[in-house]
Amino acid sequence: METKKEIVDFVNKGSVVRKIWGNSDTILFIFAGASAEFALNKAVDWLYYTGKLPSDPLGRLFSTVSYARKIVFSSTEEANKAIDTMRQIHAAVEHNRGATIPDWAYRDVLFMLIHYSIASYELLERKLKEDEKEEVYNVFYRVGKRMGLSELPKTYTEWLPVRESHLIENLKASKYTFDLFKQYKKHLGIFRYKVLIEAQKLVVPKRVKKLLYLNNSSLLSIAIPVYKLSRNIKMNQFLKNLLLPPDYKIEIRELDIHPV
């Protein structure tokens, strides 16, 4: 008689990581922060190589965020398959270009997901405890290890200074930075673009603010308490519809899973 295979979740049910990635409000701020840091990364030319980023910057970023979210809510077996597929896709791009994506560039994307997961949740919900931050880090650490990345710190505490050094060494304003923000504006429209910038101010690190000439004052600082209240009176979907391009309303609704 065949024994039924036990399904093991990649992220434990009840984990704070599931709470973070099961809420479209939080994911929108992860998206906003990552869109700023992506534009400054010294390896952003790799994202321009296929032409997908400048032609559809929102879709490309949503794709990255959605992939991470899929991994969070999958079984360990399915998550590992997704990670392996992601690595194969990048390997194909490397083959076509005849060059290798630097290991630090992969780490930077992983580091973005860690930072903005924590920053976005703390902005919209509450401060995370140290063990919860460790939990967030451990999930993406395991993603990185599966991808074969080297030089990954083993703990959140050890990661913090490495993250700071990456921000200093691997970010710079370039022609790609300015072109990408121009594409954001084109695809979002002026009003939504301004909202994106204000959202970025609330979650990006000081180094990113400095390179993008962002000040510390965000108009959304006033709006966030109102937005939190709107969730209690079921108005948050209306507000999201107001702020998001019509093409992505369905995708955002699908991100709203209530984790167990």
Protein backbone atom coordinates (compact mmCIF):
# COMPACT_ATOMS: atom_id res chain seq x y z
CA MET A 1 0.00 0.00 0.00
CA GLU A 2 1.37 3.37 -1.03
CA THR A 3 2.00 5.77 1.84
CA LYS A 4 0.55 9.25 1.41
CA LYS A 5 3.31 11.82 1.13
CA GLU A 6 3.25 14.46 3.85
CA ILE A 7 2.99 18.03 2.53
CA VAL A 8 5.36 20.40 4.30
CA ASP A 9 4.78 24.15 3.87
CA PHE A 10 7.74 26.30 2.85
CA VAL A 11 6.49 28.88 5.35
CA ASN A 12 4.65 27.68 8.44
CA LYS A 13 0.96 28.51 8.74
CA GLY A 14 0.49 31.34 11.20
CA SER A 15 3.90 32.80 10.36
CA VAL A 16 4.21 36.58 10.23
CA VAL A 17 5.67 36.13 6.74
CA ARG A 18 2.30 34.81 5.56
CA LYS A 19 0.59 37.81 7.14
CA ILE A 20 2.94 40.17 5.31
CA TRP A 21 2.59 38.50 1.90
CA GLY A 22 -1.12 37.74 2.23
CA ASN A 23 -2.13 41.41 2.30
CA SER A 24 -2.18 43.52 -0.87
CA ASP A 25 -1.77 46.74 1.16
CA THR A 26 1.62 45.56 2.40
CA ILE A 27 2.61 44.17 -1.00
CA LEU A 28 1.89 47.52 -2.65
CA PHE A 29 4.47 49.19 -0.41
CA ILE A 30 6.93 46.36 -1.06
CA PHE A 31 6.36 47.05 -4.75
CA ALA A 32 6.83 50.80 -4.27
CA GLY A 33 10.12 50.44 -2.38
CA ALA A 34 11.50 47.82 -4.75
CA SER A 35 10.66 49.99 -7.77
CA ALA A 36 12.94 52.71 -6.38
CA GLU A 37 15.83 50.44 -5.46
CA PHE A 38 15.60 48.42 -8.69
CA ALA A 39 16.18 51.62 -10.63
CA LEU A 40 19.41 52.37 -8.75
CA ASN A 41 20.97 48.93 -8.86
CA LYS A 42 24.24 48.79 -10.81
CA ALA A 43 23.04 45.57 -12.47
CA VAL A 44 19.76 47.08 -13.72
CA ASP A 45 21.15 46.83 -17.27
CA TRP A 46 20.42 43.09 -17.03
CA LEU A 47 16.74 43.89 -16.63
CA TYR A 48 16.97 46.15 -19.68
CA TYR A 49 18.65 43.44 -21.75
CA THR A 50 15.43 41.54 -22.53
CA GLY A 51 13.52 44.79 -23.10
CA LYS A 52 10.76 43.71 -20.70
CA LEU A 53 11.56 46.20 -17.96
CA PRO A 54 11.37 49.46 -19.96
CA SER A 55 8.39 48.25 -22.02
CA ASP A 56 6.39 47.09 -18.99
CA PRO A 57 8.10 48.21 -15.75
CA LEU A 58 5.01 47.66 -13.60
CA GLY A 59 4.41 44.19 -14.99
CA ARG A 60 8.06 43.24 -14.48
CA LEU A 61 8.03 44.35 -10.86
CA PHE A 62 4.65 42.76 -10.16
CA SER A 63 6.06 39.56 -11.65
CA THR A 64 8.97 39.57 -9.19
CA VAL A 65 6.71 40.32 -6.23
CA SER A 66 4.12 37.73 -7.31
CA TYR A 67 6.82 35.08 -7.69
CA ALA A 68 8.04 35.73 -4.15
CA ARG A 69 4.49 35.56 -2.86
CA LYS A 70 3.84 32.27 -4.65
CA ILE A 71 6.87 30.76 -2.92
CA VAL A 72 5.66 31.95 0.50
CA PHE A 73 2.30 30.16 0.11
CA SER A 74 3.58 26.94 -1.49
CA SER A 75 4.62 23.60 -0.10
CA THR A 76 8.38 23.16 0.26
CA GLU A 77 8.40 20.93 -2.82
CA GLU A 78 6.47 23.40 -4.97
CA ALA A 79 8.46 26.37 -3.65
CA ASN A 80 11.72 24.65 -4.53
CA LYS A 81 10.41 23.93 -8.03
CA ALA A 82 9.48 27.62 -8.44
CA ILE A 83 12.92 28.74 -7.24
CA ASP A 84 14.62 26.30 -9.62
CA THR A 85 12.50 27.58 -12.50
CA MET A 86 13.43 31.16 -11.63
CA ARG A 87 17.12 30.26 -11.68
CA GLN A 88 16.72 28.49 -15.06
CA ILE A 89 15.05 31.58 -16.56
CA HIS A 90 17.98 33.73 -15.47
CA ALA A 91 20.46 31.15 -16.75
CA ALA A 92 18.81 31.36 -20.19
CA VAL A 93 19.19 35.15 -20.20
CA GLU A 94 22.84 34.77 -19.21
CA HIS A 95 23.38 32.30 -22.04
CA ASN A 96 21.78 34.64 -24.59
CA ARG A 97 23.88 37.58 -23.46
CA GLY A 98 27.07 35.54 -23.13
CA ALA A 99 27.76 36.84 -19.63
CA THR A 100 26.94 35.95 -16.04
CA ILE A 101 24.69 37.95 -13.72
CA PRO A 102 26.89 38.79 -10.73
CA ASP A 103 26.10 36.93 -7.52
CA TRP A 104 25.75 40.22 -5.64
CA ALA A 105 22.96 41.28 -8.00
CA TYR A 106 20.90 38.22 -7.03
CA ARG A 107 21.61 38.94 -3.37
CA ASP A 108 20.50 42.54 -3.80
CA VAL A 109 17.07 41.47 -5.06
CA LEU A 110 16.78 39.04 -2.15
CA PHE A 111 17.84 41.80 0.26
CA MET A 112 15.17 44.12 -1.17
CA LEU A 113 12.44 41.57 -0.47
CA ILE A 114 13.66 41.18 3.11
CA HIS A 115 13.92 44.91 3.80
CA TYR A 116 10.63 45.93 2.22
CA SER A 117 8.72 43.02 3.78
CA ILE A 118 9.70 44.33 7.21
CA ALA A 119 9.46 48.06 6.43
CA SER A 120 6.03 47.80 4.77
CA TYR A 121 4.48 45.68 7.50
CA GLU A 122 5.82 47.99 10.22
CA LEU A 123 4.45 51.00 8.37
CA LEU A 124 0.94 49.61 8.01
CA GLU A 125 0.58 47.31 11.00
CA ARG A 126 3.04 47.28 13.91
CA LYS A 127 6.70 46.97 14.82
CA LEU A 128 8.02 43.46 14.40
CA LYS A 129 9.77 41.66 17.22
CA GLU A 130 13.35 40.55 16.67
CA ASP A 131 12.36 36.89 16.32
CA GLU A 132 9.78 37.86 13.70
CA LYS A 133 12.40 39.75 11.72
CA GLU A 134 14.57 36.66 12.00
CA GLU A 135 11.64 34.65 10.66
CA VAL A 136 11.33 36.94 7.61
CA TYR A 137 15.05 36.73 6.98
CA ASN A 138 15.13 32.94 7.29
CA VAL A 139 12.47 32.49 4.59
CA PHE A 140 14.45 34.48 2.03
CA TYR A 141 17.73 33.01 3.23
CA ARG A 142 16.36 29.59 2.27
CA VAL A 143 15.29 30.97 -1.13
CA GLY A 144 18.81 32.28 -1.68
CA LYS A 145 20.45 29.03 -0.64
CA ARG A 146 18.21 27.08 -3.03
CA MET A 147 19.27 29.44 -5.82
CA GLY A 148 22.88 28.61 -5.04
CA LEU A 149 23.84 32.06 -3.78
CA SER A 150 27.03 32.36 -1.78
CA GLU A 151 28.05 34.70 1.05
CA LEU A 152 24.60 34.89 2.59
CA PRO A 153 24.67 35.81 6.29
CA LYS A 154 23.05 33.09 8.39
CA THR A 155 20.99 35.38 10.63
CA TYR A 156 19.08 38.66 10.43
CA THR A 157 21.51 40.33 12.84
CA GLU A 158 24.50 39.30 10.74
CA TRP A 159 22.67 40.45 7.62
CA LEU A 160 22.13 44.07 8.73
CA PRO A 161 25.72 45.34 8.17
CA VAL A 162 25.95 43.35 4.91
CA ARG A 163 22.77 45.03 3.70
CA GLU A 164 24.27 48.45 4.49
CA SER A 165 27.46 47.67 2.58
CA HIS A 166 25.41 46.48 -0.42
CA LEU A 167 23.47 49.75 -0.41
CA ILE A 168 26.71 51.72 -0.55
CA GLU A 169 28.58 49.54 -3.04
CA ASN A 170 25.86 48.44 -5.47
CA LEU A 171 23.58 51.44 -5.92
CA LYS A 172 24.13 54.44 -8.16
CA ALA A 173 22.03 56.84 -10.19
CA SER A 174 22.51 56.10 -13.90
CA LYS A 175 20.85 56.67 -17.26
CA TYR A 176 18.77 53.57 -16.51
CA THR A 177 17.54 55.12 -13.27
CA PHE A 178 16.17 58.21 -14.97
CA ASP A 179 14.74 56.24 -17.88
CA LEU A 180 12.99 53.81 -15.55
CA PHE A 181 11.35 56.58 -13.55
CA LYS A 182 10.27 58.15 -16.83
CA GLN A 183 8.65 54.82 -17.72
CA TYR A 184 6.95 54.63 -14.31
CA LYS A 185 5.45 58.05 -14.94
CA LYS A 186 4.36 57.09 -18.46
CA HIS A 187 2.65 53.87 -17.35
CA LEU A 188 1.13 55.20 -14.12
CA GLY A 189 0.08 58.70 -15.14
CA ILE A 190 1.02 61.85 -13.24
CA PHE A 191 -1.31 61.39 -10.24
CA ARG A 192 -0.43 57.76 -9.54
CA TYR A 193 3.24 58.47 -10.18
CA LYS A 194 3.20 61.13 -7.47
CA VAL A 195 1.56 58.64 -5.10
CA LEU A 196 4.34 56.14 -5.91
CA ILE A 197 7.03 58.68 -5.03
CA GLU A 198 5.31 59.55 -1.75
CA ALA A 199 5.03 55.84 -0.89
CA GLN A 200 8.71 55.29 -1.65
CA LYS A 201 9.69 57.98 0.84
CA LEU A 202 8.07 55.98 3.64
CA VAL A 203 9.92 52.68 3.13
CA VAL A 204 13.22 53.18 1.29
CA PRO A 205 16.55 53.38 3.20
CA LYS A 206 18.40 56.68 3.62
CA ARG A 207 20.92 55.74 0.92
CA VAL A 208 18.13 55.33 -1.66
CA LYS A 209 16.55 58.62 -0.62
CA LYS A 210 19.86 60.40 -1.04
CA LEU A 211 20.51 59.02 -4.53
CA LEU A 212 16.96 59.82 -5.69
CA TYR A 213 16.85 63.24 -3.96
CA LEU A 214 13.83 62.24 -1.89
CA ASN A 215 13.11 64.20 1.25
CA ASN A 216 11.76 62.73 4.49
CA SER A 217 8.39 64.44 4.25
CA SER A 218 5.68 62.32 2.63
CA LEU A 219 2.11 63.42 2.08
CA LEU A 220 1.08 59.82 2.72
CA SER A 221 2.16 60.16 6.34
CA ILE A 222 -1.15 61.92 6.89
CA ALA A 223 -3.08 59.50 4.67
CA ILE A 224 -1.83 56.26 6.24
CA PRO A 225 -3.98 56.52 9.44
CA VAL A 226 -7.03 57.30 7.27
CA TYR A 227 -6.19 54.36 5.04
CA LYS A 228 -5.93 52.03 8.05
CA LEU A 229 -9.34 53.23 9.23
CA SER A 230 -10.77 52.67 5.75
CA ARG A 231 -10.02 48.95 6.06
CA ASN A 232 -12.37 48.76 9.04
CA ILE A 233 -15.23 50.32 7.06
CA LYS A 234 -14.49 48.33 3.89
CA MET A 235 -13.33 51.37 1.90
CA ASN A 236 -9.77 50.22 1.22
CA GLN A 237 -10.67 48.47 -2.05
CA PHE A 238 -12.20 51.70 -3.32
CA LEU A 239 -9.03 53.56 -2.46
CA LYS A 240 -6.84 50.94 -4.15
CA ASN A 241 -8.99 51.18 -7.28
CA LEU A 242 -8.49 54.92 -7.24
CA LEU A 243 -4.70 54.67 -6.94
CA LEU A 244 -3.95 51.71 -9.22
CA PRO A 245 -3.93 51.51 -13.01
CA PRO A 246 -7.00 49.62 -14.29
CA ASP A 247 -4.77 46.95 -15.87
CA TYR A 248 -3.59 45.81 -12.44
CA LYS A 249 -6.77 45.90 -10.37
CA ILE A 250 -7.42 42.19 -10.87
CA GLU A 251 -3.84 41.28 -9.95
CA ILE A 252 -4.08 43.30 -6.74
CA ARG A 253 -7.39 41.71 -5.75
CA GLU A 254 -5.85 38.28 -6.27
CA LEU A 255 -3.04 39.21 -3.87
CA ASP A 256 -5.54 39.57 -1.03
CA ILE A 257 -5.38 36.10 0.47
CA HIS A 258 -6.16 35.70 4.13
CA PRO A 259 -3.39 33.36 5.33
CA VAL A 260 -4.04 30.57 7.80
